[in-house]
Amino acid sequence: MACLRHRSPDKVLAVVPVYGHAGITHDLLVDLERERDLVDVVVVDNRGDYRARSAESVVRPGRNLGWAGGTNYGTRQCVGPEHTAALWLNNDTRLSHHFVAGLVRCWQETGAAIVGPLYDCHWVHQRARRPVAVDRYRPRDVHFRAPFIDGTAMLVPTATIDAIGLLDAETFAPVGWGAEIDFGLRATDAGLTVAVTALAYLHHNKSTTAKTVFPGGIAEYAELGYPVAMEGLERNWGVDWRHRAGIDATTGQTEPPRRSTRLRRSSASRLRSSRSL
């Protein structure tokens, strides 16, 4: 199936790479369909057997490109002139109400080059203080400066892609670990701002695909991903890449959002674009 083209301007393209697990992808699409007036969806079928649920586009690269490669492929294939931003999204996630609108509002208010939600997963700078079910989340119009955004979900304006390109899928293949940190560092190195917003919240059912895509399951996934991430980040950013990414060398963690990292309206470095939501 080719990318479906819609004439409505000023939309977000959600790019969702998958490898099996159609059920959880369909659950995610239910969340996205609440914002159908704002969001187009393309599923990148890395295994070649995905059956569409409703109106989503499906593209098949013919081989497993992984998370980063699949995300890049779907973005290249399907971002059109009507799209002002891409939403790079894992399929093993569930979204709070008005999720995409919340990310877009943060972008509008701050001019950030990459925007991510609060969530219930690994990195502390994005972790909600009190994780809740997505349907119970109460959004707040508060945004924080961040060093990078977890690859589970990031809103990337097309102007950002024009400025710094897509994910570095080659360096961080085959798993893609580290590509999201590298992308954030490329943005901040270009003088741009990365933001986390409390207007959107995400639940991540972590590593659902990784448990089945490799014969050794999650252990093999980590064995393949971690060394490549460490080598790639050091090659691209030097031995002090953790400091640049706000990661404590001892704990391996980032710092929680603080009052001192709050972003005010229009306080972020902006990219000029002829299109805006």
C-alpha atoms as a PDB file:
ATOM      1  CA  MET A   1       0.000   0.000   0.000  1.00  0.00           C
ATOM      2  CA  ALA A   2       1.317   3.430  -0.902  1.00  0.00           C
ATOM      3  CA  CYS A   3       1.196   6.455   1.389  1.00  0.00           C
ATOM      4  CA  LEU A   4      -2.274   7.949   1.525  1.00  0.00           C
ATOM      5  CA  ARG A   5      -2.240  11.647   0.646  1.00  0.00           C
ATOM      6  CA  HIS A   6      -4.694  13.981   2.363  1.00  0.00           C
ATOM      7  CA  ARG A   7      -5.353  17.536   1.263  1.00  0.00           C
ATOM      8  CA  SER A   8      -5.782  18.970   4.753  1.00  0.00           C
ATOM      9  CA  PRO A   9      -2.766  21.206   5.509  1.00  0.00           C
ATOM     10  CA  ASP A  10      -0.759  21.476   8.714  1.00  0.00           C
ATOM     11  CA  LYS A  11      -0.807  17.865   9.839  1.00  0.00           C
ATOM     12  CA  VAL A  12       1.547  15.590  11.770  1.00  0.00           C
ATOM     13  CA  LEU A  13       2.727  12.324  10.241  1.00  0.00           C
ATOM     14  CA  ALA A  14       3.033   9.540  12.833  1.00  0.00           C
ATOM     15  CA  VAL A  15       5.682   7.027  11.712  1.00  0.00           C
ATOM     16  CA  VAL A  16       5.367   3.646  13.447  1.00  0.00           C
ATOM     17  CA  PRO A  17       7.928   0.929  12.557  1.00  0.00           C
ATOM     18  CA  VAL A  18       6.714  -2.595  13.369  1.00  0.00           C
ATOM     19  CA  TYR A  19       7.905  -6.197  13.248  1.00  0.00           C
ATOM     20  CA  GLY A  20       4.885  -8.380  13.964  1.00  0.00           C
ATOM     21  CA  HIS A  21       2.655  -7.743  17.001  1.00  0.00           C
ATOM     22  CA  ALA A  22      -0.215  -6.282  14.991  1.00  0.00           C
ATOM     23  CA  GLY A  23      -2.476  -6.373  18.043  1.00  0.00           C
ATOM     24  CA  ILE A  24      -0.521  -3.815  20.034  1.00  0.00           C
ATOM     25  CA  THR A  25      -0.093  -1.662  16.941  1.00  0.00           C
ATOM     26  CA  HIS A  26      -3.869  -1.640  16.481  1.00  0.00           C
ATOM     27  CA  ASP A  27      -4.295  -0.635  20.136  1.00  0.00           C
ATOM     28  CA  LEU A  28      -1.978   2.323  19.548  1.00  0.00           C
ATOM     29  CA  LEU A  29      -3.934   3.300  16.440  1.00  0.00           C
ATOM     30  CA  VAL A  30      -7.089   3.541  18.541  1.00  0.00           C
ATOM     31  CA  ASP A  31      -5.323   6.238  20.570  1.00  0.00           C
ATOM     32  CA  LEU A  32      -4.127   8.063  17.451  1.00  0.00           C
ATOM     33  CA  GLU A  33      -7.557   7.927  15.822  1.00  0.00           C
ATOM     34  CA  ARG A  34      -8.869  10.244  18.537  1.00  0.00           C
ATOM     35  CA  GLU A  35      -6.773  12.935  16.833  1.00  0.00           C
ATOM     36  CA  ARG A  36      -7.438  11.949  13.209  1.00  0.00           C
ATOM     37  CA  ASP A  37      -7.987  15.570  12.200  1.00  0.00           C
ATOM     38  CA  LEU A  38      -4.409  16.331  13.229  1.00  0.00           C
ATOM     39  CA  VAL A  39      -2.544  13.080  12.523  1.00  0.00           C
ATOM     40  CA  ASP A  40      -1.835  10.898   9.502  1.00  0.00           C
ATOM     41  CA  VAL A  41      -0.300   7.486  10.269  1.00  0.00           C
ATOM     42  CA  VAL A  42       2.144   5.322   8.343  1.00  0.00           C
ATOM     43  CA  VAL A  43       3.088   1.855   9.590  1.00  0.00           C
ATOM     44  CA  VAL A  44       6.505   0.672   8.390  1.00  0.00           C
ATOM     45  CA  ASP A  45       6.103  -3.096   8.057  1.00  0.00           C
ATOM     46  CA  ASN A  46       9.581  -4.483   8.635  1.00  0.00           C
ATOM     47  CA  ARG A  47       8.357  -8.126   8.528  1.00  0.00           C
ATOM     48  CA  GLY A  48       6.006  -7.805   5.571  1.00  0.00           C
ATOM     49  CA  ASP A  49       2.874  -9.314   7.112  1.00  0.00           C
ATOM     50  CA  TYR A  50       1.081  -6.391   8.744  1.00  0.00           C
ATOM     51  CA  ARG A  51      -2.650  -6.082   8.042  1.00  0.00           C
ATOM     52  CA  ALA A  52      -4.023  -2.572   8.184  1.00  0.00           C
ATOM     53  CA  ARG A  53      -6.678  -1.819  10.783  1.00  0.00           C
ATOM     54  CA  SER A  54      -8.364   1.160   9.187  1.00  0.00           C
ATOM     55  CA  ALA A  55      -7.073   4.245   7.380  1.00  0.00           C
ATOM     56  CA  GLU A  56      -3.348   3.997   8.162  1.00  0.00           C
ATOM     57  CA  SER A  57      -0.868   3.859   5.296  1.00  0.00           C
ATOM     58  CA  VAL A  58       1.449   0.845   5.179  1.00  0.00           C
ATOM     59  CA  VAL A  59       4.881   0.792   3.536  1.00  0.00           C
ATOM     60  CA  ARG A  60       7.074  -2.288   3.261  1.00  0.00           C
ATOM     61  CA  PRO A  61      10.820  -1.830   2.801  1.00  0.00           C
ATOM     62  CA  GLY A  62      11.295  -5.509   1.903  1.00  0.00           C
ATOM     63  CA  ARG A  63      13.623  -6.255   4.802  1.00  0.00           C
ATOM     64  CA  ASN A  64      13.928  -5.525   8.500  1.00  0.00           C
ATOM     65  CA  LEU A  65      15.385  -2.038   8.807  1.00  0.00           C
ATOM     66  CA  GLY A  66      14.979  -1.963  12.590  1.00  0.00           C
ATOM     67  CA  TRP A  67      13.649   0.964  14.589  1.00  0.00           C
ATOM     68  CA  ALA A  68      15.927   3.741  13.329  1.00  0.00           C
ATOM     69  CA  GLY A  69      16.088   2.589   9.716  1.00  0.00           C
ATOM     70  CA  GLY A  70      12.359   1.929   9.600  1.00  0.00           C
ATOM     71  CA  THR A  71      11.609   5.338  11.080  1.00  0.00           C
ATOM     72  CA  ASN A  72      13.785   7.022   8.464  1.00  0.00           C
ATOM     73  CA  TYR A  73      12.225   4.984   5.654  1.00  0.00           C
ATOM     74  CA  GLY A  74       8.659   5.851   6.631  1.00  0.00           C
ATOM     75  CA  THR A  75       9.551   9.514   7.029  1.00  0.00           C
ATOM     76  CA  ARG A  76      11.222   9.727   3.617  1.00  0.00           C
ATOM     77  CA  GLN A  77       8.413   7.856   1.902  1.00  0.00           C
ATOM     78  CA  CYS A  78       5.417   9.603   3.413  1.00  0.00           C
ATOM     79  CA  VAL A  79       6.142  13.111   4.699  1.00  0.00           C
ATOM     80  CA  GLY A  80       4.314  15.401   2.296  1.00  0.00           C
ATOM     81  CA  PRO A  81       3.848  19.141   1.870  1.00  0.00           C
ATOM     82  CA  GLU A  82       0.822  18.978   4.181  1.00  0.00           C
ATOM     83  CA  HIS A  83       2.970  17.753   7.093  1.00  0.00           C
ATOM     84  CA  THR A  84       4.719  20.255   9.341  1.00  0.00           C
ATOM     85  CA  ALA A  85       6.111  17.628  11.708  1.00  0.00           C
ATOM     86  CA  ALA A  86       6.732  13.911  12.083  1.00  0.00           C
ATOM     87  CA  LEU A  87       5.939  11.927  15.219  1.00  0.00           C
ATOM     88  CA  TRP A  88       8.380   9.027  15.548  1.00  0.00           C
ATOM     89  CA  LEU A  89       6.552   6.476  17.656  1.00  0.00           C
ATOM     90  CA  ASN A  90       7.056   2.950  18.992  1.00  0.00           C
ATOM     91  CA  ASN A  91       4.155   0.563  18.469  1.00  0.00           C
ATOM     92  CA  ASP A  92       4.307  -0.831  22.038  1.00  0.00           C
ATOM     93  CA  THR A  93       2.993   2.406  23.524  1.00  0.00           C
ATOM     94  CA  ARG A  94      -0.334   3.872  24.683  1.00  0.00           C
ATOM     95  CA  LEU A  95      -1.097   7.563  24.657  1.00  0.00           C
ATOM     96  CA  SER A  96      -2.889  10.039  26.884  1.00  0.00           C
ATOM     97  CA  HIS A  97      -5.830  11.983  25.485  1.00  0.00           C
ATOM     98  CA  HIS A  98      -4.810  14.882  23.204  1.00  0.00           C
ATOM     99  CA  PHE A  99      -1.291  13.439  23.131  1.00  0.00           C
ATOM    100  CA  VAL A 100      -0.239  14.777  19.735  1.00  0.00           C
ATOM    101  CA  ALA A 101      -1.963  18.120  20.314  1.00  0.00           C
ATOM    102  CA  GLY A 102       0.005  18.471  23.551  1.00  0.00           C
ATOM    103  CA  LEU A 103       3.328  17.884  21.799  1.00  0.00           C
ATOM    104  CA  VAL A 104       2.367  20.345  19.072  1.00  0.00           C
ATOM    105  CA  ARG A 105       1.355  22.966  21.630  1.00  0.00           C
ATOM    106  CA  CYS A 106       4.749  22.672  23.346  1.00  0.00           C
ATOM    107  CA  TRP A 107       6.418  23.150  19.968  1.00  0.00           C
ATOM    108  CA  GLN A 108       4.270  26.194  19.267  1.00  0.00           C
ATOM    109  CA  GLU A 109       4.941  27.748  22.670  1.00  0.00           C
ATOM    110  CA  THR A 110       8.687  27.086  22.827  1.00  0.00           C
ATOM    111  CA  GLY A 111       9.910  26.676  19.258  1.00  0.00           C
ATOM    112  CA  ALA A 112      11.749  23.521  20.317  1.00  0.00           C
ATOM    113  CA  ALA A 113      13.391  21.417  17.601  1.00  0.00           C
ATOM    114  CA  ILE A 114      12.433  18.092  19.230  1.00  0.00           C
ATOM    115  CA  VAL A 115       9.583  17.529  21.690  1.00  0.00           C
ATOM    116  CA  GLY A 116       8.870  14.494  23.856  1.00  0.00           C
ATOM    117  CA  PRO A 117       6.250  13.525  26.453  1.00  0.00           C
ATOM    118  CA  LEU A 118       6.441  12.529  30.062  1.00  0.00           C
ATOM    119  CA  TYR A 119       6.214   8.746  30.444  1.00  0.00           C
ATOM    120  CA  ASP A 120       6.586   5.749  32.765  1.00  0.00           C
ATOM    121  CA  CYS A 121       9.807   4.312  31.341  1.00  0.00           C
ATOM    122  CA  HIS A 122      13.599   4.558  31.759  1.00  0.00           C
ATOM    123  CA  TRP A 123      15.022   8.088  31.533  1.00  0.00           C
ATOM    124  CA  VAL A 124      14.433  10.187  34.637  1.00  0.00           C
ATOM    125  CA  HIS A 125      14.291  13.506  32.768  1.00  0.00           C
ATOM    126  CA  GLN A 126      11.093  12.259  31.108  1.00  0.00           C
ATOM    127  CA  ARG A 127       9.659  10.109  33.881  1.00  0.00           C
ATOM    128  CA  ALA A 128       6.462  11.332  35.494  1.00  0.00           C
ATOM    129  CA  ARG A 129       6.736  11.856  39.240  1.00  0.00           C
ATOM    130  CA  ARG A 130       3.705   9.642  39.787  1.00  0.00           C
ATOM    131  CA  PRO A 131       3.103   7.237  36.872  1.00  0.00           C
ATOM    132  CA  VAL A 132      -0.582   6.617  36.166  1.00  0.00           C
ATOM    133  CA  ALA A 133      -2.731   4.891  33.554  1.00  0.00           C
ATOM    134  CA  VAL A 134      -2.839   6.968  30.366  1.00  0.00           C
ATOM    135  CA  ASP A 135      -6.597   7.531  30.613  1.00  0.00           C
ATOM    136  CA  ARG A 136      -6.149   9.031  34.097  1.00  0.00           C
ATOM    137  CA  TYR A 137      -3.345  11.426  33.191  1.00  0.00           C
ATOM    138  CA  ARG A 138      -4.072  15.105  33.753  1.00  0.00           C
ATOM    139  CA  PRO A 139      -1.941  17.315  31.455  1.00  0.00           C
ATOM    140  CA  ARG A 140      -0.206  20.484  32.620  1.00  0.00           C
ATOM    141  CA  ASP A 141       1.057  23.336  30.459  1.00  0.00           C
ATOM    142  CA  VAL A 142       4.644  22.997  31.667  1.00  0.00           C
ATOM    143  CA  HIS A 143       7.704  22.370  29.479  1.00  0.00           C
ATOM    144  CA  PHE A 144      11.294  21.521  30.404  1.00  0.00           C
ATOM    145  CA  ARG A 145      14.610  21.759  28.586  1.00  0.00           C
ATOM    146  CA  ALA A 146      16.044  18.262  27.949  1.00  0.00           C
ATOM    147  CA  PRO A 147      19.325  16.839  26.606  1.00  0.00           C
ATOM    148  CA  PHE A 148      17.561  14.327  24.304  1.00  0.00           C
ATOM    149  CA  ILE A 149      14.251  12.518  23.879  1.00  0.00           C
ATOM    150  CA  ASP A 150      13.667   8.792  24.337  1.00  0.00           C
ATOM    151  CA  GLY A 151      13.005   7.112  21.004  1.00  0.00           C
ATOM    152  CA  THR A 152       9.629   5.776  22.135  1.00  0.00           C
ATOM    153  CA  ALA A 153       8.010   9.044  20.983  1.00  0.00           C
ATOM    154  CA  MET A 154       9.435  12.271  19.635  1.00  0.00           C
ATOM    155  CA  LEU A 155       7.807  15.080  17.684  1.00  0.00           C
ATOM    156  CA  VAL A 156      10.223  16.331  15.037  1.00  0.00           C
ATOM    157  CA  PRO A 157       9.219  19.378  12.982  1.00  0.00           C
ATOM    158  CA  THR A 158      10.089  19.100   9.302  1.00  0.00           C
ATOM    159  CA  ALA A 159      12.297  22.179   9.762  1.00  0.00           C
ATOM    160  CA  THR A 160      14.408  20.143  12.192  1.00  0.00           C
ATOM    161  CA  ILE A 161      14.805  17.370   9.632  1.00  0.00           C
ATOM    162  CA  ASP A 162      15.825  19.971   7.053  1.00  0.00           C
ATOM    163  CA  ALA A 163      18.429  21.326   9.479  1.00  0.00           C
ATOM    164  CA  ILE A 164      20.028  18.203  10.986  1.00  0.00           C
ATOM    165  CA  GLY A 165      18.740  15.268   8.956  1.00  0.00           C
ATOM    166  CA  LEU A 166      17.216  11.983  10.136  1.00  0.00           C
ATOM    167  CA  LEU A 167      18.371   9.360  12.629  1.00  0.00           C
ATOM    168  CA  ASP A 168      21.863   7.894  12.138  1.00  0.00           C
ATOM    169  CA  ALA A 169      20.598   4.402  11.354  1.00  0.00           C
ATOM    170  CA  GLU A 170      23.896   3.139   9.948  1.00  0.00           C
ATOM    171  CA  THR A 171      26.111   3.917  12.945  1.00  0.00           C
ATOM    172  CA  PHE A 172      23.647   2.424  15.441  1.00  0.00           C
ATOM    173  CA  ALA A 173      22.455  -0.619  13.449  1.00  0.00           C
ATOM    174  CA  PRO A 174      20.916  -3.125  13.865  1.00  0.00           C
ATOM    175  CA  VAL A 175      19.082  -2.293  17.120  1.00  0.00           C
ATOM    176  CA  GLY A 176      19.237   1.504  17.007  1.00  0.00           C
ATOM    177  CA  TRP A 177      20.150   2.087  20.650  1.00  0.00           C
ATOM    178  CA  GLY A 178      21.956   5.409  20.942  1.00  0.00           C
ATOM    179  CA  ALA A 179      20.470   6.932  17.787  1.00  0.00           C
ATOM    180  CA  GLU A 180      17.970   8.989  19.790  1.00  0.00           C
ATOM    181  CA  ILE A 181      20.735  10.369  22.054  1.00  0.00           C
ATOM    182  CA  ASP A 182      22.841  11.172  19.004  1.00  0.00           C
ATOM    183  CA  PHE A 183      19.860  12.957  17.392  1.00  0.00           C
ATOM    184  CA  GLY A 184      19.335  15.094  20.491  1.00  0.00           C
ATOM    185  CA  LEU A 185      23.011  15.990  20.667  1.00  0.00           C
ATOM    186  CA  ARG A 186      22.995  16.990  17.003  1.00  0.00           C
ATOM    187  CA  ALA A 187      20.088  19.335  17.728  1.00  0.00           C
ATOM    188  CA  THR A 188      21.699  20.969  20.756  1.00  0.00           C
ATOM    189  CA  ASP A 189      25.049  21.142  18.946  1.00  0.00           C
ATOM    190  CA  ALA A 190      23.258  23.166  16.255  1.00  0.00           C
ATOM    191  CA  GLY A 191      22.050  25.607  18.916  1.00  0.00           C
ATOM    192  CA  LEU A 192      18.518  24.188  18.995  1.00  0.00           C
ATOM    193  CA  THR A 193      16.372  23.289  21.979  1.00  0.00           C
ATOM    194  CA  VAL A 194      15.013  19.894  22.995  1.00  0.00           C
ATOM    195  CA  ALA A 195      11.910  19.905  25.198  1.00  0.00           C
ATOM    196  CA  VAL A 196       9.843  17.580  27.369  1.00  0.00           C
ATOM    197  CA  THR A 197       6.249  18.585  28.022  1.00  0.00           C
ATOM    198  CA  ALA A 198       3.745  17.654  30.713  1.00  0.00           C
ATOM    199  CA  LEU A 199       0.959  18.208  28.156  1.00  0.00           C
ATOM    200  CA  ALA A 200       1.463  14.647  26.876  1.00  0.00           C
ATOM    201  CA  TYR A 201       2.018  11.312  28.623  1.00  0.00           C
ATOM    202  CA  LEU A 202       2.902   7.845  27.352  1.00  0.00           C
ATOM    203  CA  HIS A 203       2.899   4.281  28.670  1.00  0.00           C
ATOM    204  CA  HIS A 204       5.625   2.062  27.235  1.00  0.00           C
ATOM    205  CA  ASN A 205       5.236  -1.720  27.279  1.00  0.00           C
ATOM    206  CA  LYS A 206       8.991  -1.963  26.978  1.00  0.00           C
ATOM    207  CA  SER A 207      10.809  -4.193  24.460  1.00  0.00           C
ATOM    208  CA  THR A 208       7.768  -6.104  23.227  1.00  0.00           C
ATOM    209  CA  THR A 209       9.262  -6.574  19.757  1.00  0.00           C
ATOM    210  CA  ALA A 210      12.780  -7.234  21.064  1.00  0.00           C
ATOM    211  CA  LYS A 211      11.551 -10.273  22.982  1.00  0.00           C
ATOM    212  CA  THR A 212      10.640 -12.035  19.739  1.00  0.00           C
ATOM    213  CA  VAL A 213      12.668 -10.524  16.892  1.00  0.00           C
ATOM    214  CA  PHE A 214      15.982 -12.087  18.029  1.00  0.00           C
ATOM    215  CA  PRO A 215      16.426 -15.826  18.761  1.00  0.00           C
ATOM    216  CA  GLY A 216      18.007 -14.982  22.119  1.00  0.00           C
ATOM    217  CA  GLY A 217      15.182 -12.652  23.081  1.00  0.00           C
ATOM    218  CA  ILE A 218      15.799  -9.564  25.169  1.00  0.00           C
ATOM    219  CA  ALA A 219      19.292 -10.753  26.207  1.00  0.00           C
ATOM    220  CA  GLU A 220      20.487 -10.925  22.600  1.00  0.00           C
ATOM    221  CA  TYR A 221      18.784  -7.587  21.884  1.00  0.00           C
ATOM    222  CA  ALA A 222      20.827  -5.948  24.650  1.00  0.00           C
ATOM    223  CA  GLU A 223      24.046  -7.706  23.650  1.00  0.00           C
ATOM    224  CA  LEU A 224      23.695  -6.401  20.104  1.00  0.00           C
ATOM    225  CA  GLY A 225      22.473  -2.919  20.983  1.00  0.00           C
ATOM    226  CA  TYR A 226      24.504  -1.748  23.960  1.00  0.00           C
ATOM    227  CA  PRO A 227      28.094  -2.067  22.649  1.00  0.00           C
ATOM    228  CA  VAL A 228      27.148  -0.470  19.334  1.00  0.00           C
ATOM    229  CA  ALA A 229      25.499   2.441  21.138  1.00  0.00           C
ATOM    230  CA  MET A 230      28.548   3.042  23.331  1.00  0.00           C
ATOM    231  CA  GLU A 231      30.974   2.844  20.422  1.00  0.00           C
ATOM    232  CA  GLY A 232      28.868   5.029  18.156  1.00  0.00           C
ATOM    233  CA  LEU A 233      28.265   7.763  20.710  1.00  0.00           C
ATOM    234  CA  GLU A 234      31.954   7.920  21.623  1.00  0.00           C
ATOM    235  CA  ARG A 235      32.954   8.023  17.965  1.00  0.00           C
ATOM    236  CA  ASN A 236      30.494  10.809  17.178  1.00  0.00           C
ATOM    237  CA  TRP A 237      30.823  12.884  20.358  1.00  0.00           C
ATOM    238  CA  GLY A 238      34.019  11.886  22.149  1.00  0.00           C
ATOM    239  CA  VAL A 239      34.660  10.228  25.481  1.00  0.00           C
ATOM    240  CA  ASP A 240      32.642  12.865  27.356  1.00  0.00           C
ATOM    241  CA  TRP A 241      29.418  12.192  25.434  1.00  0.00           C
ATOM    242  CA  ARG A 242      27.606  11.255  28.661  1.00  0.00           C
ATOM    243  CA  HIS A 243      28.284  14.696  30.109  1.00  0.00           C
ATOM    244  CA  ARG A 244      26.988  16.340  26.941  1.00  0.00           C
ATOM    245  CA  ALA A 245      23.863  14.163  27.138  1.00  0.00           C
ATOM    246  CA  GLY A 246      23.250  14.940  30.810  1.00  0.00           C
ATOM    247  CA  ILE A 247      23.897  11.343  31.883  1.00  0.00           C
ATOM    248  CA  ASP A 248      25.673  10.778  35.197  1.00  0.00           C
ATOM    249  CA  ALA A 249      28.693   8.523  34.575  1.00  0.00           C
ATOM    250  CA  THR A 250      28.201   6.709  37.887  1.00  0.00           C
ATOM    251  CA  THR A 251      24.450   6.120  37.919  1.00  0.00           C
ATOM    252  CA  GLY A 252      23.944   6.042  34.157  1.00  0.00           C
ATOM    253  CA  GLN A 253      20.891   8.258  34.636  1.00  0.00           C
ATOM    254  CA  THR A 254      19.676  11.726  33.757  1.00  0.00           C
ATOM    255  CA  GLU A 255      18.382  14.359  36.171  1.00  0.00           C
ATOM    256  CA  PRO A 256      14.647  14.837  36.834  1.00  0.00           C
ATOM    257  CA  PRO A 257      12.880  17.935  35.492  1.00  0.00           C
ATOM    258  CA  ARG A 258      13.540  20.950  37.713  1.00  0.00           C
ATOM    259  CA  ARG A 259      12.205  24.477  38.001  1.00  0.00           C
ATOM    260  CA  SER A 260      15.538  25.728  36.679  1.00  0.00           C
ATOM    261  CA  THR A 261      15.049  23.793  33.417  1.00  0.00           C
ATOM    262  CA  ARG A 262      11.538  25.085  32.723  1.00  0.00           C
ATOM    263  CA  LEU A 263      11.054  26.627  29.315  1.00  0.00           C
ATOM    264  CA  ARG A 264       9.041  29.786  28.848  1.00  0.00           C
ATOM    265  CA  ARG A 265       7.141  30.672  25.728  1.00  0.00           C
ATOM    266  CA  SER A 266       9.425  31.472  22.806  1.00  0.00           C
ATOM    267  CA  SER A 267      12.516  30.975  24.989  1.00  0.00           C
ATOM    268  CA  ALA A 268      13.850  28.158  22.823  1.00  0.00           C
ATOM    269  CA  SER A 269      16.010  28.552  19.736  1.00  0.00           C
ATOM    270  CA  ARG A 270      13.683  28.464  16.730  1.00  0.00           C
ATOM    271  CA  LEU A 271      13.993  27.036  13.272  1.00  0.00           C
ATOM    272  CA  ARG A 272      12.373  29.028  10.541  1.00  0.00           C
ATOM    273  CA  SER A 273       9.767  27.195   8.503  1.00  0.00           C
ATOM    274  CA  SER A 274       7.299  28.353   5.905  1.00  0.00           C
ATOM    275  CA  ARG A 275       4.723  26.052   7.487  1.00  0.00           C
ATOM    276  CA  SER A 276       3.401  26.086  11.043  1.00  0.00           C
ATOM    277  CA  LEU A 277       0.592  24.327  12.847  1.00  0.00           C
END
